[in-house]
Amino acid sequence: MTEAAPASPVTYRPATEADLPACEATWRAGLNDYLVPMGQYEVPADNPSLRLLHAHALATDPDRFVVATRRAGADEQVIGFASAVRRGPVWFLSMLFVRPGEQAAGVGRSLLRRVLPADGDDATLATVTDTAQPISNGLYASFGIVPRLAMFNLVGRPARPEALAALPDGIHAVRFTASAPAERDRVGDAELGGLDRATLGFDHRQDHEFVRRQGRVGFAYRDGRGDLLGYGYTSEVGRMGPIATRDPALHAPIVAHLLEAVVPRGASAIWVPGAADETMRTLVRAGLRMEGFPVLVCWSRPFADFARYLPISPGLL
């Protein structure tokens, strides 16, 4: 009987653009490995939004995007990857996936160590994880990135629009896009950054640019004096977020306005943290439904007010 050749050693290196298709395939294989046995649908093979997210993370934080590879003859195969971004004082793990068959051998822990902040860096550590992944959640918790808050994917269109909250009198919405910022009450990066620092804990103007390039349309919400009270993004494909408000009482009315301001070609989809309880109640009463498993927002210490801030996606705050 011929013995199988021993597996080649795992090597780690910075990711390149050429690695991104293999990272997408690793992400899909990792998800399907545990979702399909639970009776969930397979993740589709083509995911343009994921590729855009990976390309954005690689462009803004190339030193925090690492792949694990093995040699198979003359070919190098990606078997895992980790991607993180640094925004001000917050380090955020965007994704970490290892191919089925390569798990439980320390590859995930090794990838995580390579993208974590350097020793002595006092960054706040954060990530968003799947509730159906206890091993991954335990790994992150061992580094102090502890699950704190559930976040739910609400999908659909308002079947009962009368349940939606209206914008209060005296507050007006100003539309802006990547190609046509609002001429009246123009919204600048500094103004958005100030609201982000107040709600999220950091300015992330590069991520605003990213969602605008994706085609998301922004709205700024001002009072009669012209003060910025909130902003939010929506799109023709239904993706919503990020959304930030100075007053948590404005969160549900702004989300309701965004649902109707741009009517999507299909369903709307929005990730709502459990802390935004009135927004959650409003959307469910209007007819949106919770889809899939909730995710867990994890952090090493508090940094954001999730009653006033709603993220871009689980992969990018």
C-alpha atoms as a PDB file:
ATOM      1  CA  MET A   1       0.000   0.000   0.000  1.00  0.00           C
ATOM      2  CA  THR A   2       1.428   3.383  -1.015  1.00  0.00           C
ATOM      3  CA  GLU A   3       1.483   5.970   1.753  1.00  0.00           C
ATOM      4  CA  ALA A   4       0.106   9.399   0.985  1.00  0.00           C
ATOM      5  CA  ALA A   5       2.706  12.098   0.694  1.00  0.00           C
ATOM      6  CA  PRO A   6       2.866  14.313   3.775  1.00  0.00           C
ATOM      7  CA  ALA A   7       1.186  17.676   3.476  1.00  0.00           C
ATOM      8  CA  SER A   8       3.471  20.570   2.741  1.00  0.00           C
ATOM      9  CA  PRO A   9       3.967  23.095   5.553  1.00  0.00           C
ATOM     10  CA  VAL A  10       1.652  26.062   5.928  1.00  0.00           C
ATOM     11  CA  THR A  11       3.186  29.414   5.024  1.00  0.00           C
ATOM     12  CA  TYR A  12       1.834  32.901   5.709  1.00  0.00           C
ATOM     13  CA  ARG A  13       2.285  36.021   3.626  1.00  0.00           C
ATOM     14  CA  PRO A  14       0.582  39.335   2.819  1.00  0.00           C
ATOM     15  CA  ALA A  15      -2.346  38.995   0.453  1.00  0.00           C
ATOM     16  CA  THR A  16      -2.351  40.407  -3.060  1.00  0.00           C
ATOM     17  CA  GLU A  17      -5.176  41.257  -5.449  1.00  0.00           C
ATOM     18  CA  ALA A  18      -4.524  37.944  -7.208  1.00  0.00           C
ATOM     19  CA  ASP A  19      -5.451  36.119  -3.963  1.00  0.00           C
ATOM     20  CA  LEU A  20      -8.905  37.662  -3.630  1.00  0.00           C
ATOM     21  CA  PRO A  21     -10.800  35.041  -5.725  1.00  0.00           C
ATOM     22  CA  ALA A  22      -9.255  32.279  -3.582  1.00  0.00           C
ATOM     23  CA  CYS A  23     -10.235  34.184  -0.430  1.00  0.00           C
ATOM     24  CA  GLU A  24     -13.813  34.413  -1.710  1.00  0.00           C
ATOM     25  CA  ALA A  25     -13.824  30.650  -2.403  1.00  0.00           C
ATOM     26  CA  THR A  26     -12.421  29.965   1.097  1.00  0.00           C
ATOM     27  CA  TRP A  27     -15.127  32.151   2.650  1.00  0.00           C
ATOM     28  CA  ARG A  28     -17.838  30.316   0.721  1.00  0.00           C
ATOM     29  CA  ALA A  29     -16.465  26.857   1.543  1.00  0.00           C
ATOM     30  CA  GLY A  30     -16.173  27.735   5.227  1.00  0.00           C
ATOM     31  CA  LEU A  31     -19.744  29.019   5.441  1.00  0.00           C
ATOM     32  CA  ASN A  32     -21.296  26.152   3.486  1.00  0.00           C
ATOM     33  CA  ASP A  33     -19.434  23.624   5.631  1.00  0.00           C
ATOM     34  CA  TYR A  34     -21.573  24.476   8.650  1.00  0.00           C
ATOM     35  CA  LEU A  35     -24.663  26.116   7.125  1.00  0.00           C
ATOM     36  CA  VAL A  36     -25.713  23.302   4.755  1.00  0.00           C
ATOM     37  CA  PRO A  37     -25.732  20.557   7.449  1.00  0.00           C
ATOM     38  CA  MET A  38     -28.086  22.805   9.461  1.00  0.00           C
ATOM     39  CA  GLY A  39     -30.553  22.877   6.577  1.00  0.00           C
ATOM     40  CA  GLN A  40     -29.592  26.345   5.308  1.00  0.00           C
ATOM     41  CA  TYR A  41     -29.188  27.226   1.637  1.00  0.00           C
ATOM     42  CA  GLU A  42     -25.730  27.153   0.076  1.00  0.00           C
ATOM     43  CA  VAL A  43     -23.957  30.469  -0.210  1.00  0.00           C
ATOM     44  CA  PRO A  44     -24.001  31.455  -3.924  1.00  0.00           C
ATOM     45  CA  ALA A  45     -20.765  31.034  -5.852  1.00  0.00           C
ATOM     46  CA  ASP A  46     -20.736  34.634  -7.079  1.00  0.00           C
ATOM     47  CA  ASN A  47     -20.657  37.444  -4.517  1.00  0.00           C
ATOM     48  CA  PRO A  48     -19.654  40.810  -6.019  1.00  0.00           C
ATOM     49  CA  SER A  49     -20.215  42.670  -2.718  1.00  0.00           C
ATOM     50  CA  LEU A  50     -17.748  40.418  -0.940  1.00  0.00           C
ATOM     51  CA  ARG A  51     -15.100  40.992  -3.608  1.00  0.00           C
ATOM     52  CA  LEU A  52     -15.557  44.746  -3.283  1.00  0.00           C
ATOM     53  CA  LEU A  53     -15.221  44.509   0.501  1.00  0.00           C
ATOM     54  CA  HIS A  54     -12.023  42.451   0.243  1.00  0.00           C
ATOM     55  CA  ALA A  55     -10.557  44.847  -2.318  1.00  0.00           C
ATOM     56  CA  HIS A  56     -11.395  47.818  -0.074  1.00  0.00           C
ATOM     57  CA  ALA A  57      -9.801  46.216   2.999  1.00  0.00           C
ATOM     58  CA  LEU A  58      -6.688  45.324   0.994  1.00  0.00           C
ATOM     59  CA  ALA A  59      -6.447  48.868  -0.376  1.00  0.00           C
ATOM     60  CA  THR A  60      -6.813  50.616   3.004  1.00  0.00           C
ATOM     61  CA  ASP A  61      -4.991  48.095   5.226  1.00  0.00           C
ATOM     62  CA  PRO A  62      -2.655  45.934   3.110  1.00  0.00           C
ATOM     63  CA  ASP A  63      -0.501  45.003   6.121  1.00  0.00           C
ATOM     64  CA  ARG A  64      -3.544  43.554   7.881  1.00  0.00           C
ATOM     65  CA  PHE A  65      -4.641  41.173   5.090  1.00  0.00           C
ATOM     66  CA  VAL A  66      -2.793  37.845   5.332  1.00  0.00           C
ATOM     67  CA  VAL A  67      -3.244  34.487   3.582  1.00  0.00           C
ATOM     68  CA  ALA A  68      -2.226  31.004   4.691  1.00  0.00           C
ATOM     69  CA  THR A  69      -1.044  28.750   1.850  1.00  0.00           C
ATOM     70  CA  ARG A  70       0.159  25.236   1.107  1.00  0.00           C
ATOM     71  CA  ARG A  71       2.123  23.976  -1.872  1.00  0.00           C
ATOM     72  CA  ALA A  72       0.435  21.367  -4.064  1.00  0.00           C
ATOM     73  CA  GLY A  73       3.101  20.446  -6.563  1.00  0.00           C
ATOM     74  CA  ALA A  74       4.068  23.616  -8.375  1.00  0.00           C
ATOM     75  CA  ASP A  75       0.899  25.417  -7.273  1.00  0.00           C
ATOM     76  CA  GLU A  76       0.343  27.481  -4.165  1.00  0.00           C
ATOM     77  CA  GLN A  77      -3.139  27.049  -2.673  1.00  0.00           C
ATOM     78  CA  VAL A  78      -4.783  29.509  -0.302  1.00  0.00           C
ATOM     79  CA  ILE A  79      -6.208  27.564   2.652  1.00  0.00           C
ATOM     80  CA  GLY A  80      -7.151  30.496   4.881  1.00  0.00           C
ATOM     81  CA  PHE A  81      -7.094  34.252   5.224  1.00  0.00           C
ATOM     82  CA  ALA A  82      -7.575  37.010   7.767  1.00  0.00           C
ATOM     83  CA  SER A  83      -8.404  40.640   7.062  1.00  0.00           C
ATOM     84  CA  ALA A  84      -8.534  43.507   9.575  1.00  0.00           C
ATOM     85  CA  VAL A  85      -8.808  47.289   9.356  1.00  0.00           C
ATOM     86  CA  ARG A  86      -7.602  50.021  11.705  1.00  0.00           C
ATOM     87  CA  ARG A  87      -9.822  53.039  12.157  1.00  0.00           C
ATOM     88  CA  GLY A  88      -8.501  55.485  14.733  1.00  0.00           C
ATOM     89  CA  PRO A  89      -8.272  53.731  18.116  1.00  0.00           C
ATOM     90  CA  VAL A  90     -10.268  50.690  16.936  1.00  0.00           C
ATOM     91  CA  TRP A  91      -8.846  47.561  15.303  1.00  0.00           C
ATOM     92  CA  PHE A  92     -11.635  45.606  13.584  1.00  0.00           C
ATOM     93  CA  LEU A  93     -11.334  42.033  12.320  1.00  0.00           C
ATOM     94  CA  SER A  94     -13.298  42.032   9.077  1.00  0.00           C
ATOM     95  CA  MET A  95     -12.991  38.300   8.293  1.00  0.00           C
ATOM     96  CA  LEU A  96     -11.094  35.165   9.232  1.00  0.00           C
ATOM     97  CA  PHE A  97     -11.815  31.900   7.387  1.00  0.00           C
ATOM     98  CA  VAL A  98      -9.979  28.583   7.048  1.00  0.00           C
ATOM     99  CA  ARG A  99     -10.927  25.929   4.512  1.00  0.00           C
ATOM    100  CA  PRO A 100     -12.709  22.800   5.779  1.00  0.00           C
ATOM    101  CA  GLY A 101     -10.155  20.042   6.268  1.00  0.00           C
ATOM    102  CA  GLU A 102      -7.547  22.578   7.382  1.00  0.00           C
ATOM    103  CA  GLN A 103      -9.346  23.628  10.525  1.00  0.00           C
ATOM    104  CA  ALA A 104      -8.507  22.644  14.134  1.00  0.00           C
ATOM    105  CA  ALA A 105      -4.778  22.723  13.340  1.00  0.00           C
ATOM    106  CA  GLY A 106      -3.976  26.221  14.591  1.00  0.00           C
ATOM    107  CA  VAL A 107      -4.163  27.993  11.224  1.00  0.00           C
ATOM    108  CA  GLY A 108      -6.910  30.357  12.369  1.00  0.00           C
ATOM    109  CA  ARG A 109      -5.045  31.334  15.533  1.00  0.00           C
ATOM    110  CA  SER A 110      -1.851  31.891  13.555  1.00  0.00           C
ATOM    111  CA  LEU A 111      -3.656  34.105  11.052  1.00  0.00           C
ATOM    112  CA  LEU A 112      -5.254  36.108  13.850  1.00  0.00           C
ATOM    113  CA  ARG A 113      -1.926  36.718  15.576  1.00  0.00           C
ATOM    114  CA  ARG A 114      -0.467  38.040  12.321  1.00  0.00           C
ATOM    115  CA  VAL A 115      -3.134  40.724  11.870  1.00  0.00           C
ATOM    116  CA  LEU A 116      -3.548  41.775  15.514  1.00  0.00           C
ATOM    117  CA  PRO A 117      -2.008  45.088  16.641  1.00  0.00           C
ATOM    118  CA  ALA A 118       1.608  44.930  17.754  1.00  0.00           C
ATOM    119  CA  ASP A 119       2.442  44.311  21.391  1.00  0.00           C
ATOM    120  CA  GLY A 120       2.108  47.538  23.338  1.00  0.00           C
ATOM    121  CA  ASP A 121      -0.555  48.949  21.023  1.00  0.00           C
ATOM    122  CA  ASP A 122      -3.524  49.888  23.220  1.00  0.00           C
ATOM    123  CA  ALA A 123      -6.117  49.587  20.436  1.00  0.00           C
ATOM    124  CA  THR A 124      -9.667  48.551  21.163  1.00  0.00           C
ATOM    125  CA  LEU A 125     -10.213  45.146  19.499  1.00  0.00           C
ATOM    126  CA  ALA A 126     -13.541  44.395  17.829  1.00  0.00           C
ATOM    127  CA  THR A 127     -15.192  42.033  15.361  1.00  0.00           C
ATOM    128  CA  VAL A 128     -18.579  40.621  14.308  1.00  0.00           C
ATOM    129  CA  THR A 129     -19.026  36.846  14.421  1.00  0.00           C
ATOM    130  CA  ASP A 130     -21.660  34.254  13.582  1.00  0.00           C
ATOM    131  CA  THR A 131     -23.690  32.897  16.505  1.00  0.00           C
ATOM    132  CA  ALA A 132     -23.388  29.438  14.939  1.00  0.00           C
ATOM    133  CA  GLN A 133     -19.574  29.453  15.288  1.00  0.00           C
ATOM    134  CA  PRO A 134     -18.762  28.734  18.964  1.00  0.00           C
ATOM    135  CA  ILE A 135     -15.159  27.697  18.226  1.00  0.00           C
ATOM    136  CA  SER A 136     -14.399  30.991  16.482  1.00  0.00           C
ATOM    137  CA  ASN A 137     -16.194  32.933  19.211  1.00  0.00           C
ATOM    138  CA  GLY A 138     -14.079  31.170  21.817  1.00  0.00           C
ATOM    139  CA  LEU A 139     -10.886  31.977  19.895  1.00  0.00           C
ATOM    140  CA  TYR A 140     -11.697  35.681  19.772  1.00  0.00           C
ATOM    141  CA  ALA A 141     -12.784  35.736  23.418  1.00  0.00           C
ATOM    142  CA  SER A 142      -9.393  34.280  24.396  1.00  0.00           C
ATOM    143  CA  PHE A 143      -7.872  37.498  23.033  1.00  0.00           C
ATOM    144  CA  GLY A 144     -10.380  39.620  24.956  1.00  0.00           C
ATOM    145  CA  ILE A 145     -12.737  40.173  21.999  1.00  0.00           C
ATOM    146  CA  VAL A 146     -15.868  39.091  23.861  1.00  0.00           C
ATOM    147  CA  PRO A 147     -19.432  38.799  22.434  1.00  0.00           C
ATOM    148  CA  ARG A 148     -21.500  41.708  23.761  1.00  0.00           C
ATOM    149  CA  LEU A 149     -24.424  42.461  21.436  1.00  0.00           C
ATOM    150  CA  ALA A 150     -26.614  40.627  18.911  1.00  0.00           C
ATOM    151  CA  MET A 151     -27.259  42.126  15.479  1.00  0.00           C
ATOM    152  CA  PHE A 152     -30.062  40.987  13.164  1.00  0.00           C
ATOM    153  CA  ASN A 153     -30.504  41.068   9.396  1.00  0.00           C
ATOM    154  CA  LEU A 154     -33.939  42.507   8.657  1.00  0.00           C
ATOM    155  CA  VAL A 155     -35.138  41.915   5.101  1.00  0.00           C
ATOM    156  CA  GLY A 156     -38.207  42.858   3.080  1.00  0.00           C
ATOM    157  CA  ARG A 157     -40.341  45.847   2.227  1.00  0.00           C
ATOM    158  CA  PRO A 158     -42.855  47.714   4.405  1.00  0.00           C
ATOM    159  CA  ALA A 159     -46.164  45.859   4.026  1.00  0.00           C
ATOM    160  CA  ARG A 160     -47.599  48.126   6.741  1.00  0.00           C
ATOM    161  CA  PRO A 161     -46.000  51.529   6.037  1.00  0.00           C
ATOM    162  CA  GLU A 162     -48.272  53.186   8.607  1.00  0.00           C
ATOM    163  CA  ALA A 163     -46.088  51.536  11.280  1.00  0.00           C
ATOM    164  CA  LEU A 164     -43.052  53.552  10.148  1.00  0.00           C
ATOM    165  CA  ALA A 165     -42.121  56.629  12.155  1.00  0.00           C
ATOM    166  CA  ALA A 166     -42.144  59.973  10.330  1.00  0.00           C
ATOM    167  CA  LEU A 167     -39.335  62.503  10.519  1.00  0.00           C
ATOM    168  CA  PRO A 168     -40.151  65.142  13.156  1.00  0.00           C
ATOM    169  CA  ASP A 169     -41.289  68.546  11.969  1.00  0.00           C
ATOM    170  CA  GLY A 170     -38.439  70.891  11.193  1.00  0.00           C
ATOM    171  CA  ILE A 171     -35.990  68.168  10.093  1.00  0.00           C
ATOM    172  CA  HIS A 172     -35.222  67.951   6.390  1.00  0.00           C
ATOM    173  CA  ALA A 173     -33.268  65.374   4.399  1.00  0.00           C
ATOM    174  CA  VAL A 174     -30.612  66.351   1.850  1.00  0.00           C
ATOM    175  CA  ARG A 175     -29.502  63.750  -0.678  1.00  0.00           C
ATOM    176  CA  PHE A 176     -25.850  63.295  -1.653  1.00  0.00           C
ATOM    177  CA  THR A 177     -23.958  60.740  -3.777  1.00  0.00           C
ATOM    178  CA  ALA A 178     -20.380  60.119  -4.875  1.00  0.00           C
ATOM    179  CA  SER A 179     -20.874  62.057  -8.110  1.00  0.00           C
ATOM    180  CA  ALA A 180     -23.340  64.705  -6.909  1.00  0.00           C
ATOM    181  CA  PRO A 181     -22.976  65.880  -3.315  1.00  0.00           C
ATOM    182  CA  ALA A 182     -25.790  68.086  -2.133  1.00  0.00           C
ATOM    183  CA  GLU A 183     -25.326  71.613  -3.423  1.00  0.00           C
ATOM    184  CA  ARG A 184     -27.602  72.985  -0.740  1.00  0.00           C
ATOM    185  CA  ASP A 185     -26.340  72.244   2.772  1.00  0.00           C
ATOM    186  CA  ARG A 186     -23.371  70.401   1.281  1.00  0.00           C
ATOM    187  CA  VAL A 187     -22.167  67.556   3.501  1.00  0.00           C
ATOM    188  CA  GLY A 188     -18.419  67.469   4.069  1.00  0.00           C
ATOM    189  CA  ASP A 189     -16.105  64.748   5.337  1.00  0.00           C
ATOM    190  CA  ALA A 190     -15.318  66.756   8.459  1.00  0.00           C
ATOM    191  CA  GLU A 191     -19.015  67.061   9.330  1.00  0.00           C
ATOM    192  CA  LEU A 192     -19.673  63.343   8.805  1.00  0.00           C
ATOM    193  CA  GLY A 193     -16.485  62.524  10.693  1.00  0.00           C
ATOM    194  CA  GLY A 194     -17.619  64.521  13.705  1.00  0.00           C
ATOM    195  CA  LEU A 195     -20.877  62.584  13.872  1.00  0.00           C
ATOM    196  CA  ASP A 196     -19.016  59.293  13.444  1.00  0.00           C
ATOM    197  CA  ARG A 197     -16.669  60.148  16.315  1.00  0.00           C
ATOM    198  CA  ALA A 198     -19.669  60.972  18.512  1.00  0.00           C
ATOM    199  CA  THR A 199     -21.489  57.702  17.767  1.00  0.00           C
ATOM    200  CA  LEU A 200     -18.919  55.159  16.583  1.00  0.00           C
ATOM    201  CA  GLY A 201     -15.796  56.451  18.274  1.00  0.00           C
ATOM    202  CA  PHE A 202     -13.763  57.154  15.131  1.00  0.00           C
ATOM    203  CA  ASP A 203     -13.780  58.966  11.808  1.00  0.00           C
ATOM    204  CA  HIS A 204     -13.872  56.542   8.850  1.00  0.00           C
ATOM    205  CA  ARG A 205     -14.216  58.740   5.794  1.00  0.00           C
ATOM    206  CA  GLN A 206     -12.504  56.091   3.625  1.00  0.00           C
ATOM    207  CA  ASP A 207     -15.468  53.792   4.300  1.00  0.00           C
ATOM    208  CA  HIS A 208     -17.945  56.518   3.354  1.00  0.00           C
ATOM    209  CA  GLU A 209     -16.126  56.769   0.041  1.00  0.00           C
ATOM    210  CA  PHE A 210     -16.362  52.973  -0.317  1.00  0.00           C
ATOM    211  CA  VAL A 211     -20.147  52.788   0.143  1.00  0.00           C
ATOM    212  CA  ARG A 212     -20.654  55.689  -2.260  1.00  0.00           C
ATOM    213  CA  ARG A 213     -18.544  53.921  -4.899  1.00  0.00           C
ATOM    214  CA  GLN A 214     -20.815  50.909  -4.374  1.00  0.00           C
ATOM    215  CA  GLY A 215     -23.727  53.061  -5.439  1.00  0.00           C
ATOM    216  CA  ARG A 216     -25.253  53.726  -2.045  1.00  0.00           C
ATOM    217  CA  VAL A 217     -27.025  57.071  -1.792  1.00  0.00           C
ATOM    218  CA  GLY A 218     -26.512  59.223   1.281  1.00  0.00           C
ATOM    219  CA  PHE A 219     -28.958  61.513   3.068  1.00  0.00           C
ATOM    220  CA  ALA A 220     -28.020  64.151   5.618  1.00  0.00           C
ATOM    221  CA  TYR A 221     -30.661  65.160   8.183  1.00  0.00           C
ATOM    222  CA  ARG A 222     -30.615  68.762   9.423  1.00  0.00           C
ATOM    223  CA  ASP A 223     -32.697  70.905  11.720  1.00  0.00           C
ATOM    224  CA  GLY A 224     -33.901  74.432  10.980  1.00  0.00           C
ATOM    225  CA  ARG A 225     -30.562  75.922  12.036  1.00  0.00           C
ATOM    226  CA  GLY A 226     -28.720  73.688   9.590  1.00  0.00           C
ATOM    227  CA  ASP A 227     -27.120  71.493  12.256  1.00  0.00           C
ATOM    228  CA  LEU A 228     -26.392  67.910  11.173  1.00  0.00           C
ATOM    229  CA  LEU A 229     -28.491  65.565  13.313  1.00  0.00           C
ATOM    230  CA  GLY A 230     -27.866  62.362  11.414  1.00  0.00           C
ATOM    231  CA  TYR A 231     -26.981  60.679   8.143  1.00  0.00           C
ATOM    232  CA  GLY A 232     -27.782  57.400   6.428  1.00  0.00           C
ATOM    233  CA  TYR A 233     -27.181  55.429   3.230  1.00  0.00           C
ATOM    234  CA  THR A 234     -29.528  53.311   1.136  1.00  0.00           C
ATOM    235  CA  SER A 235     -29.377  51.899  -2.403  1.00  0.00           C
ATOM    236  CA  GLU A 236     -31.309  50.632  -5.396  1.00  0.00           C
ATOM    237  CA  VAL A 237     -30.198  47.073  -4.600  1.00  0.00           C
ATOM    238  CA  GLY A 238     -31.697  47.383  -1.112  1.00  0.00           C
ATOM    239  CA  ARG A 239     -28.540  47.505   1.020  1.00  0.00           C
ATOM    240  CA  MET A 240     -28.777  50.056   3.832  1.00  0.00           C
ATOM    241  CA  GLY A 241     -26.163  51.521   6.187  1.00  0.00           C
ATOM    242  CA  PRO A 242     -24.207  53.024   7.728  1.00  0.00           C
ATOM    243  CA  ILE A 243     -26.648  55.193   9.688  1.00  0.00           C
ATOM    244  CA  ALA A 244     -25.729  57.547  12.539  1.00  0.00           C
ATOM    245  CA  THR A 245     -27.827  59.921  14.656  1.00  0.00           C
ATOM    246  CA  ARG A 246     -27.060  62.366  17.465  1.00  0.00           C
ATOM    247  CA  ASP A 247     -30.334  61.580  19.233  1.00  0.00           C
ATOM    248  CA  PRO A 248     -31.353  57.901  19.551  1.00  0.00           C
ATOM    249  CA  ALA A 249     -34.998  58.978  19.194  1.00  0.00           C
ATOM    250  CA  LEU A 250     -34.217  59.975  15.586  1.00  0.00           C
ATOM    251  CA  HIS A 251     -32.843  56.554  14.657  1.00  0.00           C
ATOM    252  CA  ALA A 252     -36.177  54.894  13.777  1.00  0.00           C
ATOM    253  CA  PRO A 253     -37.543  57.895  11.804  1.00  0.00           C
ATOM    254  CA  ILE A 254     -34.332  58.179   9.764  1.00  0.00           C
ATOM    255  CA  VAL A 255     -34.363  54.452   8.956  1.00  0.00           C
ATOM    256  CA  ALA A 256     -38.022  54.750   7.956  1.00  0.00           C
ATOM    257  CA  HIS A 257     -37.230  57.683   5.653  1.00  0.00           C
ATOM    258  CA  LEU A 258     -34.366  55.760   4.024  1.00  0.00           C
ATOM    259  CA  LEU A 259     -36.675  52.797   3.328  1.00  0.00           C
ATOM    260  CA  GLU A 260     -38.912  55.014   1.201  1.00  0.00           C
ATOM    261  CA  ALA A 261     -36.399  57.558  -0.131  1.00  0.00           C
ATOM    262  CA  VAL A 262     -34.903  55.096  -2.630  1.00  0.00           C
ATOM    263  CA  VAL A 263     -37.222  52.230  -3.570  1.00  0.00           C
ATOM    264  CA  PRO A 264     -35.045  49.181  -4.326  1.00  0.00           C
ATOM    265  CA  ARG A 265     -35.468  46.765  -7.196  1.00  0.00           C
ATOM    266  CA  GLY A 266     -36.157  43.984  -4.679  1.00  0.00           C
ATOM    267  CA  ALA A 267     -36.117  43.738  -0.913  1.00  0.00           C
ATOM    268  CA  SER A 268     -34.397  46.076   1.502  1.00  0.00           C
ATOM    269  CA  ALA A 269     -31.762  44.580   3.818  1.00  0.00           C
ATOM    270  CA  ILE A 270     -30.476  46.231   6.971  1.00  0.00           C
ATOM    271  CA  TRP A 271     -28.366  45.010   9.912  1.00  0.00           C
ATOM    272  CA  VAL A 272     -29.912  46.243  13.160  1.00  0.00           C
ATOM    273  CA  PRO A 273     -28.124  45.950  16.523  1.00  0.00           C
ATOM    274  CA  GLY A 274     -30.295  44.880  19.431  1.00  0.00           C
ATOM    275  CA  ALA A 275     -29.490  48.155  21.194  1.00  0.00           C
ATOM    276  CA  ALA A 276     -31.554  50.008  18.559  1.00  0.00           C
ATOM    277  CA  ASP A 277     -34.729  48.587  20.064  1.00  0.00           C
ATOM    278  CA  GLU A 278     -37.243  51.129  18.721  1.00  0.00           C
ATOM    279  CA  THR A 279     -35.836  50.763  15.202  1.00  0.00           C
ATOM    280  CA  MET A 280     -36.167  46.984  15.517  1.00  0.00           C
ATOM    281  CA  ARG A 281     -39.792  47.220  16.685  1.00  0.00           C
ATOM    282  CA  THR A 282     -40.694  49.684  13.956  1.00  0.00           C
ATOM    283  CA  LEU A 283     -39.244  47.568  11.145  1.00  0.00           C
ATOM    284  CA  VAL A 284     -40.809  44.319  12.346  1.00  0.00           C
ATOM    285  CA  ARG A 285     -44.205  45.978  12.787  1.00  0.00           C
ATOM    286  CA  ALA A 286     -43.913  47.420   9.274  1.00  0.00           C
ATOM    287  CA  GLY A 287     -43.443  43.906   7.865  1.00  0.00           C
ATOM    288  CA  LEU A 288     -39.707  43.283   7.545  1.00  0.00           C
ATOM    289  CA  ARG A 289     -38.563  39.877   8.793  1.00  0.00           C
ATOM    290  CA  MET A 290     -35.469  38.597  10.539  1.00  0.00           C
ATOM    291  CA  GLU A 291     -33.472  36.421   8.143  1.00  0.00           C
ATOM    292  CA  GLY A 292     -30.782  33.868   8.972  1.00  0.00           C
ATOM    293  CA  PHE A 293     -28.866  33.662  12.214  1.00  0.00           C
ATOM    294  CA  PRO A 294     -28.087  36.797  14.183  1.00  0.00           C
ATOM    295  CA  VAL A 295     -24.461  37.809  14.477  1.00  0.00           C
ATOM    296  CA  LEU A 296     -22.548  38.904  17.568  1.00  0.00           C
ATOM    297  CA  VAL A 297     -20.760  42.222  17.898  1.00  0.00           C
ATOM    298  CA  CYS A 298     -17.646  41.615  20.020  1.00  0.00           C
ATOM    299  CA  TRP A 299     -15.155  43.993  21.601  1.00  0.00           C
ATOM    300  CA  SER A 300     -12.400  44.214  24.170  1.00  0.00           C
ATOM    301  CA  ARG A 301     -13.820  47.451  25.625  1.00  0.00           C
ATOM    302  CA  PRO A 302     -16.733  49.738  24.743  1.00  0.00           C
ATOM    303  CA  PHE A 303     -16.208  52.105  21.815  1.00  0.00           C
ATOM    304  CA  ALA A 304     -19.564  52.808  20.092  1.00  0.00           C
ATOM    305  CA  ASP A 305     -23.174  53.630  20.871  1.00  0.00           C
ATOM    306  CA  PHE A 306     -25.121  51.057  18.879  1.00  0.00           C
ATOM    307  CA  ALA A 307     -28.412  52.694  19.821  1.00  0.00           C
ATOM    308  CA  ARG A 308     -27.303  55.571  17.566  1.00  0.00           C
ATOM    309  CA  TYR A 309     -25.067  53.851  15.008  1.00  0.00           C
ATOM    310  CA  LEU A 310     -25.935  51.110  12.514  1.00  0.00           C
ATOM    311  CA  PRO A 311     -22.996  49.583  10.579  1.00  0.00           C
ATOM    312  CA  ILE A 312     -22.269  49.064   6.902  1.00  0.00           C
ATOM    313  CA  SER A 313     -22.270  45.275   7.250  1.00  0.00           C
ATOM    314  CA  PRO A 314     -20.914  42.597   9.607  1.00  0.00           C
ATOM    315  CA  GLY A 315     -17.607  42.840   7.717  1.00  0.00           C
ATOM    316  CA  LEU A 316     -17.101  46.596   8.015  1.00  0.00           C
ATOM    317  CA  LEU A 317     -18.366  48.944  10.694  1.00  0.00           C
END
